[in-house]
Amino acid sequence: MQTHTSLALDTLLYEVRGSIALITLNRPERMNTLGGTMKPDLARAFFELARADGRVRAVLLTGSGDRAFCAGADIKERAGGEIAGADYFVAQKATHDLFRNIEEFEKPVIAAINGVALGGGLELALCCDLRIASATARVGLPEIKLGVIPAAGGTQRLPRLIGEARAKELILTAEHIDAETALRYGIVSRVLPPDALLPAALTLAQRIAELPPLAVRFAKRAINRGMQTDLDSGLEYERYAAAMLIDSDDRKEGMRAFVEKRKPVFTGR
């Protein structure tokens, strides 16, 4: 079976390393901004390539170069355009749907923030399950400086992640914060030297990829669902997810391997 695949799309690179799909935003001359065909390319990478590939058990998202993960919208592309409010309201639904689908993607997604993650770049990272950062990274939602607001989920996901007060401070001041502050706030879970970021992200992705895929999928969904609802509803979904797994081949294999003191072989069934 083929274990390595590489594909260059217009604005990103897609590569499969063993059981990890590595998606690299690849507009370094434009700080990997979300312009050109970046959004449809992301949709293709996630929902056509990684979803359909049975080898892939985790996705790693990063940016090319050492300056930017993603600096958000391509302002140079947008600056000359005009759009009516009603038309923008309809058009922005496509971005919300794309980011929401990445957030709910059935395989775990890790963001390796290798440089600045600003505006839509940070909003994209907030859709990932885990975020780790280079010590040189800076993050922020500076849209208010341009007379707009974070409108790709930033006003909703950031407060849910770090609390209302800190999120308001970041959004209302348009402040950029460094990696250590992002770690303290809980935006990222680790900060690493720049040359250690990708190896650490791949190791983290591989650790998850070696675990039972169904259990990983349902655990992710239970957490996501629980964060959006009341405790009783969250517990009910947790019970449902546990029931879906109880007669799976992977649960039986995990139990057998534990008793037999051997490494389990999980198939995702």
Protein backbone atom coordinates (compact mmCIF):
# COMPACT_ATOMS: atom_id res chain seq x y z
CA MET A 1 0.00 0.00 0.00
CA GLN A 2 1.21 3.49 -0.82
CA THR A 3 2.24 5.31 2.36
CA HIS A 4 3.28 8.70 1.01
CA THR A 5 1.30 11.08 -1.17
CA SER A 6 2.08 14.66 -2.20
CA LEU A 7 -0.16 17.03 -4.12
CA ALA A 8 0.25 20.74 -4.86
CA LEU A 9 -2.98 22.72 -5.07
CA ASP A 10 -3.00 26.38 -6.10
CA THR A 11 -2.64 27.78 -2.59
CA LEU A 12 -1.64 24.85 -0.41
CA LEU A 13 0.39 21.67 -0.31
CA TYR A 14 -1.23 18.37 0.64
CA GLU A 15 0.95 15.51 1.81
CA VAL A 16 0.25 12.19 3.52
CA ARG A 17 2.97 10.93 5.83
CA GLY A 18 1.95 7.51 7.04
CA SER A 19 -1.36 8.13 8.81
CA ILE A 20 -1.01 11.94 8.97
CA ALA A 21 -2.33 14.36 6.34
CA LEU A 22 -0.12 17.46 6.36
CA ILE A 23 -1.85 20.52 4.87
CA THR A 24 0.47 23.49 4.38
CA LEU A 25 -1.00 26.90 3.52
CA ASN A 26 1.28 27.98 0.70
CA ARG A 27 1.14 31.66 -0.19
CA PRO A 28 4.31 32.73 1.63
CA GLU A 29 4.72 35.86 -0.50
CA ARG A 30 1.28 36.97 0.79
CA MET A 31 1.77 35.75 4.38
CA ASN A 32 -0.39 32.68 3.58
CA THR A 33 -3.48 34.88 3.54
CA LEU A 34 -6.91 33.43 2.78
CA GLY A 35 -7.04 34.77 -0.75
CA GLY A 36 -6.99 33.30 -4.22
CA THR A 37 -8.43 29.79 -4.14
CA MET A 38 -7.38 29.10 -0.53
CA LYS A 39 -10.89 28.39 0.76
CA PRO A 40 -11.93 25.95 -1.99
CA ASP A 41 -8.47 24.38 -1.78
CA LEU A 42 -8.96 23.84 1.96
CA ALA A 43 -12.36 22.31 1.28
CA ARG A 44 -10.84 19.93 -1.25
CA ALA A 45 -7.94 18.96 1.02
CA PHE A 46 -10.19 18.18 3.98
CA PHE A 47 -13.40 16.88 2.47
CA GLU A 48 -12.23 15.18 -0.72
CA LEU A 49 -8.68 14.06 0.03
CA ALA A 50 -8.25 13.51 3.80
CA ARG A 51 -11.83 12.32 4.32
CA ALA A 52 -11.68 9.73 1.55
CA ASP A 53 -8.22 8.38 2.46
CA GLY A 54 -8.53 5.47 4.85
CA ARG A 55 -4.87 5.80 5.78
CA VAL A 56 -5.40 9.25 7.27
CA ARG A 57 -6.25 9.26 10.96
CA ALA A 58 -5.22 12.82 11.85
CA VAL A 59 -4.70 16.11 10.01
CA LEU A 60 -1.93 18.62 10.67
CA LEU A 61 -2.39 22.19 9.43
CA THR A 62 0.49 24.66 9.18
CA GLY A 63 1.86 27.48 7.02
CA SER A 64 4.80 27.63 4.66
CA GLY A 65 7.85 29.67 5.58
CA ASP A 66 8.67 30.95 9.04
CA ARG A 67 6.78 34.27 9.02
CA ALA A 68 3.14 33.28 8.96
CA PHE A 69 0.71 30.49 9.72
CA CYS A 70 -1.97 32.66 8.09
CA ALA A 71 -2.27 36.44 8.26
CA GLY A 72 -6.02 36.36 7.63
CA ALA A 73 -7.89 37.91 4.73
CA ASP A 74 -5.91 39.17 1.76
CA ILE A 75 -6.61 42.88 2.27
CA LYS A 76 -4.95 43.82 -1.03
CA GLU A 77 -7.44 41.60 -2.85
CA ARG A 78 -10.40 42.99 -0.94
CA ALA A 79 -9.51 46.67 -0.63
CA GLY A 80 -10.91 47.73 -4.00
CA GLY A 81 -14.12 45.74 -3.84
CA GLU A 82 -17.53 46.85 -2.68
CA ILE A 83 -20.38 44.63 -1.55
CA ALA A 84 -23.84 45.37 -0.19
CA GLY A 85 -24.48 44.31 3.40
CA ALA A 86 -27.20 41.85 2.40
CA ASP A 87 -24.92 40.23 -0.19
CA TYR A 88 -22.07 39.99 2.32
CA PHE A 89 -24.41 38.35 4.84
CA VAL A 90 -25.22 35.63 2.32
CA ALA A 91 -21.66 35.22 1.04
CA GLN A 92 -20.11 34.97 4.49
CA LYS A 93 -22.26 31.91 5.20
CA ALA A 94 -19.94 29.94 2.91
CA THR A 95 -16.94 30.84 5.09
CA HIS A 96 -18.85 29.99 8.26
CA ASP A 97 -19.83 26.63 6.74
CA LEU A 98 -16.25 25.84 5.67
CA PHE A 99 -14.79 26.67 9.08
CA ARG A 100 -17.57 24.86 10.91
CA ASN A 101 -17.03 21.76 8.78
CA ILE A 102 -13.31 21.84 9.60
CA GLU A 103 -14.20 22.19 13.29
CA GLU A 104 -16.53 19.18 13.05
CA PHE A 105 -14.22 17.13 10.78
CA GLU A 106 -14.40 13.53 11.92
CA LYS A 107 -10.62 13.14 12.15
CA PRO A 108 -8.67 15.18 14.72
CA VAL A 109 -7.05 18.37 13.41
CA ILE A 110 -3.92 19.95 14.89
CA ALA A 111 -2.71 23.46 14.04
CA ALA A 112 1.05 24.07 14.11
CA ILE A 113 1.19 27.87 14.30
CA ASN A 114 4.57 28.63 12.79
CA GLY A 115 4.30 32.45 12.63
CA VAL A 116 1.61 35.08 12.81
CA ALA A 117 -2.00 33.90 13.00
CA LEU A 118 -4.11 37.00 12.61
CA GLY A 119 -7.77 37.61 11.82
CA GLY A 120 -9.08 34.78 9.69
CA GLY A 121 -5.82 32.92 10.29
CA LEU A 122 -6.47 32.76 14.02
CA GLU A 123 -10.14 32.01 13.34
CA LEU A 124 -9.05 29.05 11.22
CA ALA A 125 -6.71 27.83 13.97
CA LEU A 126 -9.56 28.12 16.50
CA CYS A 127 -11.45 25.51 14.45
CA CYS A 128 -8.69 22.97 15.05
CA ASP A 129 -8.84 20.57 17.98
CA LEU A 130 -5.35 21.31 19.23
CA ARG A 131 -3.02 24.25 18.66
CA ILE A 132 0.70 24.39 19.32
CA ALA A 133 2.90 27.34 18.44
CA SER A 134 6.39 28.39 17.57
CA ALA A 135 8.01 30.72 20.08
CA THR A 136 8.05 33.34 17.31
CA ALA A 137 4.28 33.15 16.71
CA ARG A 138 1.96 36.07 17.33
CA VAL A 139 -1.82 35.86 17.31
CA GLY A 140 -4.67 38.34 17.31
CA LEU A 141 -7.97 39.49 15.86
CA PRO A 142 -7.17 43.00 14.56
CA GLU A 143 -10.24 43.47 12.35
CA ILE A 144 -11.61 46.41 14.35
CA LYS A 145 -8.64 48.48 13.14
CA LEU A 146 -10.11 48.16 9.64
CA GLY A 147 -13.62 49.14 10.70
CA VAL A 148 -15.01 45.60 10.69
CA ILE A 149 -15.28 42.73 13.18
CA PRO A 150 -13.89 39.19 13.26
CA ALA A 151 -16.56 37.51 11.13
CA ALA A 152 -15.25 34.00 10.52
CA GLY A 153 -16.21 32.82 13.98
CA GLY A 154 -13.77 34.83 16.08
CA THR A 155 -16.38 36.62 18.18
CA GLN A 156 -17.90 33.24 19.07
CA ARG A 157 -15.04 30.75 19.35
CA LEU A 158 -12.48 32.90 21.18
CA PRO A 159 -14.76 33.71 24.16
CA ARG A 160 -15.73 30.05 24.42
CA LEU A 161 -12.05 29.13 24.54
CA ILE A 162 -10.53 31.77 26.80
CA GLY A 163 -13.50 33.47 28.47
CA GLU A 164 -15.46 36.61 27.71
CA ALA A 165 -13.22 39.18 29.41
CA ARG A 166 -9.95 38.19 27.76
CA ALA A 167 -11.63 37.73 24.40
CA LYS A 168 -13.18 41.18 24.59
CA GLU A 169 -9.84 42.70 25.48
CA LEU A 170 -8.14 41.08 22.50
CA ILE A 171 -10.92 41.89 20.04
CA LEU A 172 -11.76 45.42 21.21
CA THR A 173 -8.11 46.52 21.39
CA ALA A 174 -7.09 44.67 18.17
CA GLU A 175 -4.00 43.61 20.13
CA HIS A 176 -1.48 41.02 18.93
CA ILE A 177 -0.11 38.76 21.65
CA ASP A 178 3.02 36.65 21.68
CA ALA A 179 3.18 32.87 21.94
CA GLU A 180 3.80 32.78 25.69
CA THR A 181 0.77 34.97 26.33
CA ALA A 182 -1.31 32.78 24.00
CA LEU A 183 -0.14 29.79 26.06
CA ARG A 184 -1.11 31.50 29.32
CA TYR A 185 -4.53 32.40 27.92
CA GLY A 186 -5.13 28.84 26.71
CA ILE A 187 -5.20 29.63 22.98
CA VAL A 188 -2.32 27.19 22.44
CA SER A 189 -1.28 24.24 24.58
CA ARG A 190 2.46 24.26 23.87
CA VAL A 191 5.16 26.68 22.72
CA LEU A 192 8.27 25.27 21.05
CA PRO A 193 11.43 26.53 19.36
CA PRO A 194 10.73 27.16 15.65
CA ASP A 195 12.75 24.18 14.41
CA ALA A 196 11.04 21.86 16.90
CA LEU A 197 7.47 22.84 16.03
CA LEU A 198 6.74 20.59 13.05
CA PRO A 199 8.45 17.48 14.49
CA ALA A 200 6.53 17.96 17.75
CA ALA A 201 3.25 18.45 15.87
CA LEU A 202 3.84 15.32 13.81
CA THR A 203 4.65 13.34 16.96
CA LEU A 204 1.47 14.60 18.62
CA ALA A 205 -0.60 13.75 15.56
CA GLN A 206 0.96 10.29 15.39
CA ARG A 207 0.16 9.61 19.05
CA ILE A 208 -3.50 10.34 18.35
CA ALA A 209 -3.44 8.44 15.04
CA GLU A 210 -2.32 5.25 16.81
CA LEU A 211 -5.41 5.24 19.02
CA PRO A 212 -8.77 3.69 18.03
CA PRO A 213 -10.23 5.96 15.32
CA LEU A 214 -13.87 5.49 16.32
CA ALA A 215 -13.18 6.31 19.96
CA VAL A 216 -11.18 9.40 18.94
CA ARG A 217 -13.99 10.52 16.63
CA PHE A 218 -16.74 10.10 19.20
CA ALA A 219 -14.69 11.67 22.00
CA LYS A 220 -14.12 14.73 19.82
CA ARG A 221 -17.81 14.98 18.96
CA ALA A 222 -18.88 14.53 22.58
CA ILE A 223 -16.58 17.36 23.69
CA ASN A 224 -17.72 19.63 20.85
CA ARG A 225 -21.37 18.89 21.49
CA GLY A 226 -21.01 19.35 25.23
CA MET A 227 -19.38 22.76 24.83
CA GLN A 228 -22.46 23.97 22.95
CA THR A 229 -25.17 22.72 25.28
CA ASP A 230 -26.24 22.19 28.89
CA LEU A 231 -24.72 19.50 31.10
CA ASP A 232 -27.65 17.09 30.94
CA SER A 233 -27.76 17.22 27.13
CA GLY A 234 -23.98 16.77 27.01
CA LEU A 235 -24.18 13.75 29.29
CA GLU A 236 -26.89 12.25 27.14
CA TYR A 237 -24.69 12.61 24.04
CA GLU A 238 -21.74 11.13 25.96
CA ARG A 239 -23.90 8.12 26.83
CA TYR A 240 -24.97 7.79 23.21
CA ALA A 241 -21.35 7.95 22.01
CA ALA A 242 -20.26 5.35 24.55
CA ALA A 243 -23.10 3.05 23.44
CA MET A 244 -22.05 3.39 19.80
CA LEU A 245 -18.57 2.15 20.73
CA ILE A 246 -19.40 -0.64 23.14
CA ASP A 247 -19.67 -3.40 20.54
CA SER A 248 -17.03 -2.10 18.14
CA ASP A 249 -14.17 -4.32 16.98
CA ASP A 250 -11.69 -1.74 18.29
CA ARG A 251 -13.10 -1.90 21.83
CA LYS A 252 -12.89 -5.69 21.78
CA GLU A 253 -9.34 -5.54 20.39
CA GLY A 254 -8.30 -2.97 22.99
CA MET A 255 -9.60 -5.14 25.82
CA ARG A 256 -7.98 -8.29 24.42
CA ALA A 257 -4.65 -6.57 23.90
CA PHE A 258 -4.72 -5.22 27.45
CA VAL A 259 -5.36 -8.68 28.89
CA GLU A 260 -2.78 -10.29 26.59
CA LYS A 261 -0.21 -7.54 27.32
CA ARG A 262 0.43 -6.75 23.66
CA LYS A 263 0.11 -3.74 21.40
CA PRO A 264 -3.41 -3.48 19.95
CA VAL A 265 -4.13 -3.28 16.23
CA PHE A 266 -7.03 -0.90 15.61
CA THR A 267 -8.99 -0.91 12.38
CA GLY A 268 -11.58 1.82 12.94
CA ARG A 269 -14.46 -0.66 13.04
